[in-house]
Amino acid sequence: MNSKDTKILYFDSTSFDVTYQKLKDDLGGELFNRHYILNDDKYGEIYLEYFDINAPFKMSVNRCKLKQDFFVKDDNYAEQQQLFFLFLRKNSSLSINDYENDDGEVNLGEHGVQYNIMMRHNKRHLLTTLEKNIEVDWIGMRMDFKEIGPLVNLNEKDTNEFIDYLVNRNYYEGSTTELEGLIEDIFQAQKLTIGRNAIIMGLGMQLMGMLLKKMIEHKKKTSDKVIADDLLEQYFEIKDYILSDYHSIPTTRDISQKFGIGETKLKEDFKSIFDQSIFSFITSHRMMDAHRLLRMTDYKIGDIGKQVGYNHLSKFTGAFKKYYGYTPSELRGSKRIKSF
């Protein structure tokens, strides 16, 4: 990317309306009913929508595929202390530079990196890189600091400690199969008509609650074992490797030999990083991908089973029911779930 020729877009994360108007002024496009939409031969496609109902947070669901490289400079001016959350949809990626500090560039969502989620304080400004011809889908949320404690049932002391922890840094977090599933449900719920806002905000509440719970548990967790950054990167390479081909899932021994890590250490470190055993992690991703395909496509159930590595329909059905509590056919037949 040639930074000299790259256009800068200016956002104000504390106001969706201000941001959408700035985009319209800079790029053109249309504004209507909490939406900003651009479909332009020169700049590409942008679809932004925010939701504002009676909830402790504000939320936006967004996607773009640009025909030029852009920097997004995020400045905000609210006096009230707020938290901002960014959740990347699976297979999306972008780069973030906290230009107030010497933290360098952080890549979100790419293969081999550890983060899909960012949380930050509204006093911290960012420069985000959006590269041309790459589709990026993300969910944005913001909430006042005072809402954190009631939302996750923290007392005032623990809430203040948690806020102090967040004020002085941007917090980056890896996703989980459960978080990825909720993110996908939110994007699919955009297609609904009746009950759409309530369903999306309900899913958003689950998403935020699950993330805050995960963060607080990590903060409280004490461990004598610290994994070095270079070793951590290796485990995210391992993650990509074990999910690269559902038809040829490696054994623990295969992984151990390929990456030169003892089997016992491999199992312990993997679980400490991803909160799941290797087998459970692979199973979760297979089931989540199957669930998405069942909801979003008309592929035959047997073909979906094969895509996630099950050559026999009976084995796929059994594994799916064990994981979710209902069969693939029951999911397909459920009007409530199918509506997503």
Protein backbone atom coordinates (compact mmCIF):
# COMPACT_ATOMS: atom_id res chain seq x y z
CA MET A 1 0.00 0.00 0.00
CA ASN A 2 1.31 3.45 -0.97
CA SER A 3 0.48 5.53 2.11
CA LYS A 4 1.12 8.81 0.26
CA ASP A 5 -1.75 8.22 -2.16
CA THR A 6 -4.12 6.57 0.32
CA LYS A 7 -7.30 8.48 1.11
CA ILE A 8 -8.10 9.06 4.78
CA LEU A 9 -11.66 8.75 6.08
CA TYR A 10 -12.45 10.40 9.41
CA PHE A 11 -14.77 8.60 11.83
CA ASP A 12 -16.25 9.64 15.14
CA SER A 13 -17.00 6.42 17.01
CA THR A 14 -19.12 8.23 19.58
CA SER A 15 -21.78 9.07 16.97
CA PHE A 16 -23.04 6.84 14.17
CA ASP A 17 -24.98 9.75 12.63
CA VAL A 18 -21.90 11.99 12.52
CA THR A 19 -19.79 9.20 11.01
CA TYR A 20 -22.38 8.37 8.36
CA GLN A 21 -22.73 12.03 7.39
CA LYS A 22 -18.93 12.37 7.13
CA LEU A 23 -18.83 9.35 4.81
CA LYS A 24 -21.58 10.82 2.65
CA ASP A 25 -19.70 14.13 2.45
CA ASP A 26 -16.42 12.40 1.54
CA LEU A 27 -17.60 9.59 -0.74
CA GLY A 28 -21.22 10.22 -1.67
CA GLY A 29 -23.71 7.43 -1.10
CA GLU A 30 -27.10 7.42 0.60
CA LEU A 31 -28.34 7.96 4.16
CA PHE A 32 -31.67 6.62 5.38
CA ASN A 33 -33.18 5.21 8.56
CA ARG A 34 -29.91 4.43 10.44
CA HIS A 35 -28.17 3.20 7.26
CA TYR A 36 -25.28 4.40 5.15
CA ILE A 37 -25.00 2.71 1.74
CA LEU A 38 -22.43 3.26 -0.99
CA ASN A 39 -22.26 1.38 -4.29
CA ASP A 40 -19.78 3.28 -6.39
CA ASP A 41 -17.66 2.41 -9.43
CA LYS A 42 -14.74 4.42 -8.06
CA TYR A 43 -14.77 3.63 -4.32
CA GLY A 44 -16.56 0.28 -4.07
CA GLU A 45 -19.26 -0.95 -1.71
CA ILE A 46 -20.03 0.03 1.90
CA TYR A 47 -23.06 -1.04 3.92
CA LEU A 48 -23.35 0.29 7.49
CA GLU A 49 -26.36 -0.01 9.79
CA TYR A 50 -26.78 0.85 13.45
CA PHE A 51 -29.37 -0.26 15.99
CA ASP A 52 -30.63 1.98 18.76
CA ILE A 53 -33.25 0.46 21.04
CA ASN A 54 -33.49 0.32 24.82
CA ALA A 55 -30.23 -1.50 25.61
CA PRO A 56 -27.09 -0.68 27.64
CA PHE A 57 -25.08 -0.36 24.42
CA LYS A 58 -25.28 0.87 20.83
CA MET A 59 -24.46 -1.50 18.01
CA SER A 60 -23.66 -1.45 14.29
CA VAL A 61 -23.41 -4.23 11.70
CA ASN A 62 -21.16 -3.43 8.78
CA ARG A 63 -19.57 -4.71 5.61
CA CYS A 64 -17.42 -3.19 2.89
CA LYS A 65 -15.46 -4.17 -0.19
CA LEU A 66 -13.48 -1.23 -1.51
CA LYS A 67 -11.87 -0.55 -4.87
CA GLN A 68 -9.17 1.64 -3.32
CA ASP A 69 -6.98 1.42 -0.23
CA PHE A 70 -8.23 3.57 2.65
CA PHE A 71 -7.02 4.67 6.05
CA VAL A 72 -9.74 5.21 8.64
CA LYS A 73 -8.72 7.70 11.32
CA ASP A 74 -10.96 7.30 14.35
CA ASP A 75 -11.22 10.43 16.49
CA ASN A 76 -13.87 10.87 19.16
CA TYR A 77 -14.78 13.71 21.40
CA ALA A 78 -17.31 12.46 23.96
CA GLU A 79 -16.75 13.64 27.52
CA GLN A 80 -18.32 10.51 28.97
CA GLN A 81 -16.04 7.48 29.29
CA GLN A 82 -17.05 4.78 26.85
CA LEU A 83 -15.82 1.41 25.66
CA PHE A 84 -15.72 0.42 22.01
CA PHE A 85 -15.80 -3.16 20.74
CA LEU A 86 -14.91 -4.46 17.28
CA PHE A 87 -15.81 -8.04 16.34
CA LEU A 88 -14.51 -9.33 12.99
CA ARG A 89 -16.57 -11.87 11.12
CA LYS A 90 -14.80 -15.10 10.26
CA ASN A 91 -12.53 -14.76 7.18
CA SER A 92 -12.37 -10.94 7.45
CA SER A 93 -9.13 -9.12 8.28
CA LEU A 94 -7.78 -5.62 8.84
CA SER A 95 -4.81 -3.81 10.40
CA ILE A 96 -4.97 -1.39 13.34
CA ASN A 97 -2.36 1.13 14.45
CA ASP A 98 -2.66 2.74 17.87
CA TYR A 99 -0.81 5.88 16.82
CA GLU A 100 -0.86 7.41 20.31
CA ASN A 101 1.45 4.70 21.58
CA ASP A 102 4.39 2.69 20.34
CA ASP A 103 2.47 -0.57 20.08
CA GLY A 104 2.97 -0.89 16.33
CA GLU A 105 0.49 -2.44 13.95
CA VAL A 106 -1.88 -5.18 15.08
CA ASN A 107 -3.39 -7.52 12.50
CA LEU A 108 -6.88 -8.79 13.22
CA GLY A 109 -8.46 -11.86 11.69
CA GLU A 110 -5.68 -13.05 9.39
CA HIS A 111 -4.42 -16.62 9.34
CA GLY A 112 -1.72 -17.22 11.91
CA VAL A 113 -2.63 -14.26 14.14
CA GLN A 114 -4.26 -14.52 17.49
CA TYR A 115 -6.86 -11.74 17.52
CA ASN A 116 -10.33 -11.24 16.04
CA ILE A 117 -11.70 -8.81 18.62
CA MET A 118 -10.62 -5.41 19.90
CA MET A 119 -11.83 -3.40 22.88
CA ARG A 120 -10.69 0.15 23.55
CA HIS A 121 -11.35 3.31 25.56
CA ASN A 122 -12.91 6.27 23.74
CA LYS A 123 -9.94 8.51 24.59
CA ARG A 124 -7.64 6.40 22.44
CA HIS A 125 -7.43 7.17 18.73
CA LEU A 126 -6.75 4.64 15.99
CA LEU A 127 -5.69 4.39 12.38
CA THR A 128 -7.23 1.39 10.61
CA THR A 129 -6.13 0.09 7.22
CA LEU A 130 -8.76 -1.16 4.76
CA GLU A 131 -7.20 -2.73 1.68
CA LYS A 132 -8.83 -2.75 -1.73
CA ASN A 133 -10.63 -5.83 -3.06
CA ILE A 134 -10.87 -7.40 0.41
CA GLU A 135 -14.32 -7.86 1.92
CA VAL A 136 -14.42 -6.88 5.59
CA ASP A 137 -17.45 -7.64 7.77
CA TRP A 138 -17.56 -6.44 11.36
CA ILE A 139 -19.79 -5.63 14.29
CA GLY A 140 -19.17 -2.48 16.31
CA MET A 141 -20.50 -1.78 19.80
CA ARG A 142 -20.11 0.99 22.32
CA MET A 143 -21.25 1.35 25.91
CA ASP A 144 -20.72 3.66 28.87
CA PHE A 145 -18.27 2.43 31.50
CA LYS A 146 -20.98 2.66 34.16
CA GLU A 147 -22.97 -0.07 32.37
CA ILE A 148 -20.25 -2.74 32.65
CA GLY A 149 -20.85 -3.78 36.27
CA PRO A 150 -24.64 -4.29 36.01
CA LEU A 151 -24.28 -6.08 32.68
CA VAL A 152 -21.94 -8.80 34.00
CA ASN A 153 -22.91 -8.67 37.71
CA LEU A 154 -19.63 -7.19 38.95
CA ASN A 155 -19.46 -5.29 42.22
CA GLU A 156 -18.18 -1.70 42.21
CA LYS A 157 -14.64 -2.60 43.33
CA ASP A 158 -14.15 -5.26 40.65
CA THR A 159 -15.77 -3.02 38.04
CA ASN A 160 -13.36 -0.18 38.81
CA GLU A 161 -10.36 -2.54 38.68
CA PHE A 162 -11.53 -3.86 35.34
CA ILE A 163 -12.04 -0.34 33.96
CA ASP A 164 -8.58 0.73 35.17
CA TYR A 165 -7.17 -2.29 33.37
CA LEU A 166 -8.80 -1.16 30.10
CA VAL A 167 -8.11 2.57 30.30
CA ASN A 168 -4.39 2.32 29.65
CA ARG A 169 -4.38 -0.12 26.79
CA ASN A 170 -6.25 -1.47 23.83
CA TYR A 171 -7.38 -4.99 24.57
CA TYR A 172 -7.16 -7.63 21.84
CA GLU A 173 -8.84 -10.99 22.16
CA GLY A 174 -9.06 -14.16 20.13
CA SER A 175 -12.47 -15.42 19.12
CA THR A 176 -14.06 -18.72 20.10
CA THR A 177 -16.47 -20.98 18.24
CA GLU A 178 -19.30 -19.67 20.44
CA LEU A 179 -18.44 -16.02 19.73
CA GLU A 180 -18.05 -16.73 16.01
CA GLY A 181 -21.44 -18.43 16.00
CA LEU A 182 -23.12 -15.40 17.60
CA ILE A 183 -21.38 -13.03 15.18
CA GLU A 184 -22.64 -15.10 12.24
CA ASP A 185 -26.17 -15.19 13.68
CA ILE A 186 -26.21 -11.39 13.88
CA PHE A 187 -25.26 -11.05 10.21
CA GLN A 188 -27.91 -13.58 9.21
CA ALA A 189 -30.55 -11.86 11.36
CA GLN A 190 -30.15 -8.73 9.22
CA LYS A 191 -32.22 -10.57 6.61
CA LEU A 192 -35.23 -10.75 8.93
CA THR A 193 -38.21 -8.40 8.86
CA ILE A 194 -40.53 -9.09 11.80
CA GLY A 195 -38.74 -8.87 15.15
CA ARG A 196 -35.45 -8.00 13.47
CA ASN A 197 -34.22 -5.26 15.83
CA ALA A 198 -35.08 -7.15 19.01
CA ILE A 199 -33.43 -10.36 17.77
CA ILE A 200 -30.25 -8.56 16.71
CA MET A 201 -29.97 -6.63 19.97
CA GLY A 202 -30.64 -9.82 21.95
CA LEU A 203 -27.83 -11.58 20.10
CA GLY A 204 -25.65 -8.51 20.63
CA MET A 205 -26.32 -8.69 24.37
CA GLN A 206 -25.20 -12.33 24.39
CA LEU A 207 -22.11 -11.45 22.36
CA MET A 208 -21.01 -8.65 24.65
CA GLY A 209 -21.81 -10.59 27.82
CA MET A 210 -19.85 -13.60 26.62
CA LEU A 211 -16.83 -11.46 25.69
CA LEU A 212 -16.79 -9.54 28.98
CA LYS A 213 -17.11 -12.79 30.93
CA LYS A 214 -14.20 -14.27 28.96
CA MET A 215 -12.04 -11.19 29.58
CA ILE A 216 -12.79 -11.00 33.28
CA GLU A 217 -12.05 -14.70 33.75
CA HIS A 218 -8.74 -14.28 31.92
CA LYS A 219 -7.84 -11.28 34.04
CA LYS A 220 -8.57 -13.13 37.28
CA LYS A 221 -6.81 -16.27 36.17
CA THR A 222 -3.32 -16.51 37.60
CA SER A 223 -0.74 -18.73 36.00
CA ASP A 224 2.91 -19.37 36.73
CA LYS A 225 3.39 -20.36 33.13
CA VAL A 226 3.88 -17.50 30.67
CA ILE A 227 4.01 -18.37 26.98
CA ALA A 228 6.50 -16.32 24.98
CA ASP A 229 5.23 -14.29 22.02
CA ASP A 230 7.10 -16.34 19.42
CA LEU A 231 5.72 -19.57 20.87
CA LEU A 232 2.24 -18.05 20.96
CA GLU A 233 2.51 -17.28 17.25
CA GLN A 234 3.45 -20.90 16.67
CA TYR A 235 0.25 -22.07 18.36
CA PHE A 236 -1.82 -19.91 16.05
CA GLU A 237 -0.03 -21.50 13.12
CA ILE A 238 -0.98 -24.85 14.67
CA LYS A 239 -4.59 -23.69 14.90
CA ASP A 240 -4.66 -22.87 11.17
CA TYR A 241 -2.97 -26.17 10.35
CA ILE A 242 -5.44 -28.37 12.22
CA LEU A 243 -8.43 -26.57 10.67
CA SER A 244 -7.05 -26.51 7.12
CA ASP A 245 -8.48 -29.86 5.98
CA TYR A 246 -11.36 -31.59 7.75
CA HIS A 247 -10.77 -34.69 5.61
CA SER A 248 -7.25 -35.16 6.94
CA ILE A 249 -7.31 -34.16 10.59
CA PRO A 250 -3.87 -34.63 12.14
CA THR A 251 -3.33 -36.57 15.34
CA THR A 252 -1.62 -35.03 18.34
CA ARG A 253 1.45 -37.01 17.37
CA ASP A 254 1.37 -35.59 13.83
CA ILE A 255 1.17 -32.03 15.20
CA SER A 256 3.91 -32.72 17.72
CA GLN A 257 6.28 -33.99 15.05
CA LYS A 258 5.49 -31.27 12.51
CA PHE A 259 6.03 -28.39 14.94
CA GLY A 260 8.69 -29.96 17.17
CA ILE A 261 6.71 -29.73 20.41
CA GLY A 262 6.36 -32.59 22.89
CA GLU A 263 2.85 -34.07 23.01
CA THR A 264 2.27 -33.30 26.70
CA LYS A 265 3.44 -29.71 26.33
CA LEU A 266 1.42 -29.33 23.14
CA LYS A 267 -1.80 -30.44 24.86
CA GLU A 268 -1.23 -28.26 27.93
CA ASP A 269 -0.26 -25.11 26.04
CA PHE A 270 -3.03 -25.49 23.46
CA LYS A 271 -5.69 -25.75 26.15
CA SER A 272 -4.28 -22.79 28.09
CA ILE A 273 -4.42 -20.62 24.95
CA PHE A 274 -7.69 -21.75 23.37
CA ASP A 275 -9.60 -22.94 26.46
CA GLN A 276 -10.29 -26.28 24.74
CA SER A 277 -8.48 -29.50 24.06
CA ILE A 278 -7.26 -29.99 20.49
CA PHE A 279 -10.00 -32.53 19.77
CA SER A 280 -12.76 -30.32 21.23
CA PHE A 281 -11.46 -27.30 19.32
CA ILE A 282 -11.58 -29.14 15.98
CA THR A 283 -15.01 -30.59 16.74
CA SER A 284 -16.40 -27.17 17.67
CA HIS A 285 -15.26 -25.67 14.37
CA ARG A 286 -16.60 -28.59 12.33
CA MET A 287 -19.98 -28.32 14.01
CA MET A 288 -20.12 -24.53 13.72
CA ASP A 289 -19.29 -24.68 10.00
CA ALA A 290 -21.91 -27.39 9.50
CA HIS A 291 -24.51 -25.35 11.40
CA ARG A 292 -23.79 -22.31 9.21
CA LEU A 293 -24.06 -24.31 5.98
CA LEU A 294 -27.33 -25.88 7.10
CA ARG A 295 -28.81 -22.45 7.77
CA MET A 296 -27.36 -20.51 4.87
CA THR A 297 -27.43 -22.99 1.96
CA ASP A 298 -29.70 -25.55 0.34
CA TYR A 299 -26.96 -28.17 0.11
CA LYS A 300 -28.00 -31.70 0.93
CA ILE A 301 -27.32 -32.70 4.52
CA GLY A 302 -25.06 -35.53 3.43
CA ASP A 303 -23.00 -33.17 1.26
CA ILE A 304 -22.59 -30.75 4.17
CA GLY A 305 -21.44 -33.64 6.34
CA LYS A 306 -18.80 -34.47 3.74
CA GLN A 307 -17.64 -30.84 3.62
CA VAL A 308 -16.87 -30.96 7.34
CA GLY A 309 -15.16 -34.34 7.13
CA TYR A 310 -17.90 -36.94 7.70
CA ASN A 311 -18.20 -39.41 4.82
CA HIS A 312 -21.20 -41.18 6.34
CA LEU A 313 -24.47 -39.37 7.02
CA SER A 314 -25.18 -41.40 10.15
CA LYS A 315 -21.86 -40.40 11.74
CA PHE A 316 -22.42 -36.74 10.87
CA THR A 317 -25.96 -36.80 12.26
CA GLY A 318 -24.81 -38.47 15.47
CA ALA A 319 -21.93 -36.03 16.02
CA PHE A 320 -24.15 -33.03 15.25
CA LYS A 321 -26.89 -34.16 17.65
CA LYS A 322 -24.37 -34.88 20.39
CA TYR A 323 -22.97 -31.36 20.02
CA TYR A 324 -26.18 -29.32 19.60
CA GLY A 325 -28.90 -31.53 21.05
CA TYR A 326 -30.85 -31.72 17.77
CA THR A 327 -30.23 -33.30 14.37
CA PRO A 328 -29.36 -31.52 11.11
CA SER A 329 -32.85 -32.38 9.81
CA GLU A 330 -34.45 -30.83 12.89
CA LEU A 331 -32.41 -27.66 12.36
CA ARG A 332 -33.51 -27.48 8.72
CA GLY A 333 -37.12 -28.00 9.77
CA SER A 334 -37.14 -25.36 12.48
CA LYS A 335 -38.82 -22.21 11.21
CA ARG A 336 -37.40 -20.23 14.10
CA ILE A 337 -33.79 -21.15 13.34
CA LYS A 338 -34.32 -21.34 9.59
CA SER A 339 -35.45 -17.72 9.54
CA PHE A 340 -31.86 -16.72 10.23
